[in-house]
Amino acid sequence: MLVDSHCHLTGSYLGEDQLQAVLDRAREAGVTGMVAVGCNLDDSRLVLALARRHPCLAASLGVHPHDARTWDPLTLDALEALLADPAAVFVGETGLDWHYDLSPREEQEQVFRAQIRLARRLGKPLMIHTREAPEATLAILREEGADRGVIHCFSEDLAFARAALDLGFHLSFSGIVTFKNAQAIREVAAWAPLDRILVETDAPYLAPVPFRGKANEPAFVTHVAAQVAALRGLRPESLAETAAANLEALCGWAPSC
């Protein structure tokens, strides 16, 4: 069993006419499940509709830091209503992105805090995006009492990994772990506790070697799992099964396809 713990399958990322082909290729590659991620309220509605139709999908629903500027007084209630669906197993993608700064940092922080509080109230884990904001991300997680979720597309250093693990978070590795210049991330993947590791694509971004530069898709998570397994001296099948079990333990979902 191999599960892609974070991918984008909606909106401008993938047309409905292409989705079934992507799901079929994933199944042929041995990928039995995918967590499809929403980045704003409209996108989250689409993601939830997909997860309701496809038993191999679960949903992660939230407002990405890029879209924090879209948050208004009605967003929280609308998002909470969507998250009441059993197909929604994570809150997010939420967090901080101080690389692109597509939303003002103050708004990013406010929306991040609101979603942490929502996750705690609902008893659901968080799907965290953090880029070039490691100290602020950790500080907000600590201040808000966050203790369950995923640092998705892990791209930080060992010190950040230790701090996130101490808070109770899992680390999800993407195609970056296959890049030649990603030695620091490979070191974390080799070191991290095995029961806290997940694998993902973040499709359509960050396609792993040998597909780098092309559109990513869930079928390619096999290459991520193989790289992490090699770093740890494990069989890819063993790493895949462990990562899938870790995801189920975290969010209570296992694919039924």
Protein backbone atom coordinates (compact mmCIF):
# COMPACT_ATOMS: atom_id res chain seq x y z
CA MET A 1 0.00 0.00 0.00
CA LEU A 2 1.30 3.44 -0.94
CA VAL A 3 -0.51 6.71 -0.23
CA ASP A 4 0.26 10.18 -1.55
CA SER A 5 -0.28 12.31 1.55
CA HIS A 6 -0.60 15.63 -0.30
CA CYS A 7 -1.60 16.44 -3.88
CA HIS A 8 -3.64 19.03 -5.77
CA LEU A 9 -6.27 17.65 -8.15
CA THR A 10 -8.69 20.54 -8.67
CA GLY A 11 -9.16 23.98 -10.15
CA SER A 12 -6.48 25.16 -12.52
CA TYR A 13 -4.26 22.24 -11.51
CA LEU A 14 -6.21 19.54 -13.32
CA GLY A 15 -9.28 19.49 -15.52
CA GLU A 16 -12.09 17.09 -14.72
CA ASP A 17 -11.50 15.36 -18.05
CA GLN A 18 -7.92 14.57 -16.98
CA LEU A 19 -8.63 13.43 -13.45
CA GLN A 20 -9.67 9.86 -14.17
CA ALA A 21 -6.55 9.26 -16.25
CA VAL A 22 -4.40 10.56 -13.37
CA LEU A 23 -6.19 8.31 -10.88
CA ASP A 24 -5.82 5.34 -13.22
CA ARG A 25 -2.07 5.93 -13.61
CA ALA A 26 -1.71 6.19 -9.86
CA ARG A 27 -3.51 2.90 -9.36
CA GLU A 28 -1.35 1.22 -12.01
CA ALA A 29 1.75 2.47 -10.15
CA GLY A 30 0.52 0.90 -6.91
CA VAL A 31 -0.73 4.12 -5.29
CA THR A 32 -3.85 3.12 -3.42
CA GLY A 33 -4.83 6.46 -1.91
CA MET A 34 -4.33 10.21 -2.12
CA VAL A 35 -5.06 13.16 0.14
CA ALA A 36 -6.38 15.91 -2.15
CA VAL A 37 -5.79 19.40 -0.80
CA GLY A 38 -7.83 22.59 -1.00
CA CYS A 39 -6.18 26.02 -1.01
CA ASN A 40 -9.16 28.32 -0.50
CA LEU A 41 -12.86 28.02 0.21
CA ASP A 42 -13.99 27.45 -3.39
CA ASP A 43 -11.18 24.99 -4.02
CA SER A 44 -12.01 23.16 -0.79
CA ARG A 45 -15.58 22.68 -1.97
CA LEU A 46 -14.29 21.09 -5.18
CA VAL A 47 -11.85 18.88 -3.27
CA LEU A 48 -14.58 17.64 -0.93
CA ALA A 49 -16.83 16.82 -3.89
CA LEU A 50 -14.00 14.74 -5.40
CA ALA A 51 -13.38 12.89 -2.16
CA ARG A 52 -17.06 12.05 -1.88
CA ARG A 53 -17.03 10.53 -5.38
CA HIS A 54 -13.72 8.65 -5.23
CA PRO A 55 -13.03 6.23 -2.36
CA CYS A 56 -9.30 6.43 -3.06
CA LEU A 57 -9.34 10.12 -2.07
CA ALA A 58 -9.54 11.92 1.24
CA ALA A 59 -9.79 15.69 1.60
CA SER A 60 -7.71 18.34 3.33
CA LEU A 61 -9.67 21.60 3.43
CA GLY A 62 -8.37 25.04 4.26
CA VAL A 63 -7.02 28.40 3.18
CA HIS A 64 -3.42 28.51 1.97
CA PRO A 65 -1.24 31.44 3.07
CA HIS A 66 -1.22 32.65 -0.54
CA ASP A 67 -5.01 33.01 -0.27
CA ALA A 68 -5.15 34.43 3.26
CA ARG A 69 -6.26 37.75 1.76
CA THR A 70 -9.54 36.05 0.71
CA TRP A 71 -10.50 35.31 4.32
CA ASP A 72 -13.57 37.19 5.58
CA PRO A 73 -15.91 36.86 8.60
CA LEU A 74 -17.96 34.18 6.83
CA THR A 75 -15.03 31.98 5.82
CA LEU A 76 -14.56 30.30 9.18
CA ASP A 77 -18.16 29.10 9.46
CA ALA A 78 -18.19 27.92 5.85
CA LEU A 79 -14.95 26.03 6.27
CA GLU A 80 -16.14 24.44 9.50
CA ALA A 81 -19.29 23.22 7.75
CA LEU A 82 -17.21 21.57 5.01
CA LEU A 83 -14.90 19.97 7.55
CA ALA A 84 -17.85 18.28 9.26
CA ASP A 85 -17.89 15.79 6.37
CA PRO A 86 -16.15 12.49 7.24
CA ALA A 87 -14.25 12.66 3.93
CA ALA A 88 -12.40 15.73 5.26
CA VAL A 89 -9.55 14.38 7.37
CA PHE A 90 -7.18 17.38 7.61
CA VAL A 91 -7.49 21.13 8.16
CA GLY A 92 -5.35 23.03 5.68
CA GLU A 93 -3.34 23.69 3.64
CA THR A 94 -2.54 26.45 6.08
CA GLY A 95 0.58 28.11 7.38
CA LEU A 96 3.02 30.84 6.38
CA ASP A 97 4.74 31.64 3.10
CA TRP A 98 7.24 34.46 3.42
CA HIS A 99 8.94 33.59 0.13
CA TYR A 100 6.21 34.82 -2.21
CA ASP A 101 4.27 36.99 0.29
CA LEU A 102 1.16 36.82 -1.90
CA SER A 103 -0.89 37.82 1.15
CA PRO A 104 0.28 40.28 3.81
CA ARG A 105 2.18 38.54 6.59
CA GLU A 106 -0.15 39.79 9.29
CA GLU A 107 -3.12 38.32 7.45
CA GLN A 108 -1.27 35.04 6.93
CA GLU A 109 -0.65 34.80 10.66
CA GLN A 110 -4.25 35.61 11.58
CA VAL A 111 -5.66 33.04 9.15
CA PHE A 112 -3.12 30.45 10.29
CA ARG A 113 -4.13 30.94 13.92
CA ALA A 114 -7.83 30.73 13.06
CA GLN A 115 -7.34 27.38 11.32
CA ILE A 116 -5.22 25.97 14.15
CA ARG A 117 -8.02 26.82 16.56
CA LEU A 118 -10.57 25.28 14.19
CA ALA A 119 -8.54 22.07 13.93
CA ARG A 120 -8.28 21.81 17.70
CA ARG A 121 -12.01 22.38 18.09
CA LEU A 122 -12.83 19.71 15.49
CA GLY A 123 -10.17 17.26 16.66
CA LYS A 124 -8.61 17.05 13.19
CA PRO A 125 -4.90 17.24 12.30
CA LEU A 126 -3.34 20.17 10.47
CA MET A 127 -1.78 20.25 7.00
CA ILE A 128 1.02 22.81 7.37
CA HIS A 129 2.74 24.82 4.65
CA THR A 130 5.82 26.74 5.75
CA ARG A 131 8.30 28.50 3.51
CA GLU A 132 11.04 30.86 4.69
CA ALA A 133 9.17 31.37 7.97
CA PRO A 134 10.48 28.59 10.25
CA GLU A 135 10.69 30.54 13.52
CA ALA A 136 7.31 32.23 13.06
CA THR A 137 5.65 28.94 12.10
CA LEU A 138 6.95 27.15 15.18
CA ALA A 139 6.11 30.07 17.45
CA ILE A 140 2.50 30.19 16.27
CA LEU A 141 2.11 26.42 16.56
CA ARG A 142 3.40 26.58 20.14
CA GLU A 143 1.33 29.62 21.11
CA GLU A 144 -1.87 28.06 19.75
CA GLY A 145 -1.24 24.65 21.34
CA ALA A 146 -1.06 22.78 18.03
CA ASP A 147 0.10 19.23 18.60
CA ARG A 148 -1.07 17.11 15.67
CA GLY A 149 -0.57 17.30 11.93
CA VAL A 150 1.87 17.27 9.04
CA ILE A 151 4.69 19.55 7.98
CA HIS A 152 4.00 18.98 4.32
CA CYS A 153 6.68 19.09 1.61
CA PHE A 154 9.37 19.19 4.27
CA SER A 155 12.10 21.59 3.18
CA GLU A 156 13.63 22.84 6.41
CA ASP A 157 16.65 21.74 8.44
CA LEU A 158 17.28 19.25 11.23
CA ALA A 159 16.66 21.82 13.97
CA PHE A 160 13.22 22.61 12.57
CA ALA A 161 12.48 18.89 12.21
CA ARG A 162 13.36 18.27 15.86
CA ALA A 163 11.12 21.12 16.99
CA ALA A 164 8.19 19.98 14.82
CA LEU A 165 8.53 16.41 16.05
CA ASP A 166 8.65 17.63 19.65
CA LEU A 167 5.33 19.37 19.05
CA GLY A 168 3.84 16.08 17.81
CA PHE A 169 3.94 16.67 14.05
CA HIS A 170 4.74 14.27 11.22
CA LEU A 171 7.17 15.12 8.41
CA SER A 172 6.07 14.54 4.83
CA PHE A 173 8.76 14.26 2.16
CA SER A 174 8.17 15.24 -1.47
CA GLY A 175 10.08 14.96 -4.72
CA ILE A 176 12.59 17.46 -3.33
CA VAL A 177 14.23 14.55 -1.52
CA THR A 178 15.37 13.23 -4.93
CA PHE A 179 17.05 16.51 -5.98
CA LYS A 180 20.86 16.65 -6.07
CA ASN A 181 20.99 19.86 -4.03
CA ALA A 182 18.73 18.58 -1.24
CA GLN A 183 21.34 17.01 1.02
CA ALA A 184 19.97 18.64 4.18
CA ILE A 185 16.48 17.31 3.49
CA ARG A 186 17.84 13.83 2.73
CA GLU A 187 19.64 13.90 6.06
CA VAL A 188 16.36 14.60 7.85
CA ALA A 189 14.60 11.85 5.87
CA ALA A 190 17.30 9.38 6.89
CA TRP A 191 17.20 10.46 10.54
CA ALA A 192 13.51 11.07 11.35
CA PRO A 193 11.61 8.53 13.47
CA LEU A 194 10.11 5.98 11.13
CA ASP A 195 6.67 6.28 12.71
CA ARG A 196 6.54 10.01 11.86
CA ILE A 197 7.37 9.83 8.14
CA LEU A 198 4.93 10.39 5.26
CA VAL A 199 5.53 10.68 1.51
CA GLU A 200 3.80 12.95 -0.99
CA THR A 201 4.00 14.52 -4.42
CA ASP A 202 2.54 18.02 -3.89
CA ALA A 203 1.39 17.46 -7.48
CA PRO A 204 1.43 19.18 -9.89
CA TYR A 205 4.59 20.73 -8.43
CA LEU A 206 8.06 19.37 -7.61
CA ALA A 207 8.12 16.26 -9.78
CA PRO A 208 10.82 13.88 -8.55
CA VAL A 209 13.80 12.72 -10.53
CA PRO A 210 13.55 11.38 -13.27
CA PHE A 211 10.50 13.56 -14.06
CA ARG A 212 11.89 16.85 -12.78
CA GLY A 213 10.63 19.78 -14.85
CA LYS A 214 7.44 17.98 -15.85
CA ALA A 215 4.00 18.17 -14.29
CA ASN A 216 3.92 16.04 -11.18
CA GLU A 217 1.16 13.53 -10.40
CA PRO A 218 0.36 11.02 -7.64
CA ALA A 219 1.81 8.05 -9.56
CA PHE A 220 5.25 9.59 -9.08
CA VAL A 221 5.12 9.22 -5.29
CA THR A 222 6.67 5.80 -5.90
CA HIS A 223 9.96 7.57 -6.65
CA VAL A 224 9.74 9.59 -3.44
CA ALA A 225 9.12 6.46 -1.39
CA ALA A 226 12.00 4.66 -3.11
CA GLN A 227 14.40 7.51 -2.32
CA VAL A 228 13.40 7.70 1.34
CA ALA A 229 13.63 3.91 1.60
CA ALA A 230 17.13 3.91 0.11
CA LEU A 231 18.26 6.55 2.59
CA ARG A 232 17.08 4.33 5.42
CA GLY A 233 18.21 0.98 4.07
CA LEU A 234 14.66 -0.29 3.68
CA ARG A 235 12.74 -1.97 0.89
CA PRO A 236 10.48 0.55 -0.90
CA GLU A 237 7.48 -1.66 -0.17
CA SER A 238 8.26 -1.57 3.55
CA LEU A 239 8.63 2.20 3.60
CA ALA A 240 5.39 2.61 1.63
CA GLU A 241 3.43 0.42 4.02
CA THR A 242 4.85 2.23 7.04
CA ALA A 243 4.06 5.66 5.64
CA ALA A 244 0.49 4.59 4.83
CA ALA A 245 0.07 3.21 8.35
CA ASN A 246 1.44 6.45 9.79
CA LEU A 247 -1.11 8.46 7.83
CA GLU A 248 -3.96 6.25 9.01
CA ALA A 249 -2.80 6.55 12.62
CA LEU A 250 -2.66 10.33 12.29
CA CYS A 251 -5.98 11.09 10.60
CA GLY A 252 -7.97 7.85 10.89
CA TRP A 253 -8.34 7.35 7.13
CA ALA A 254 -7.34 4.43 4.95
CA PRO A 255 -8.29 4.30 1.26
CA SER A 256 -10.99 1.83 0.29
CA CYS A 257 -10.24 1.52 -3.43
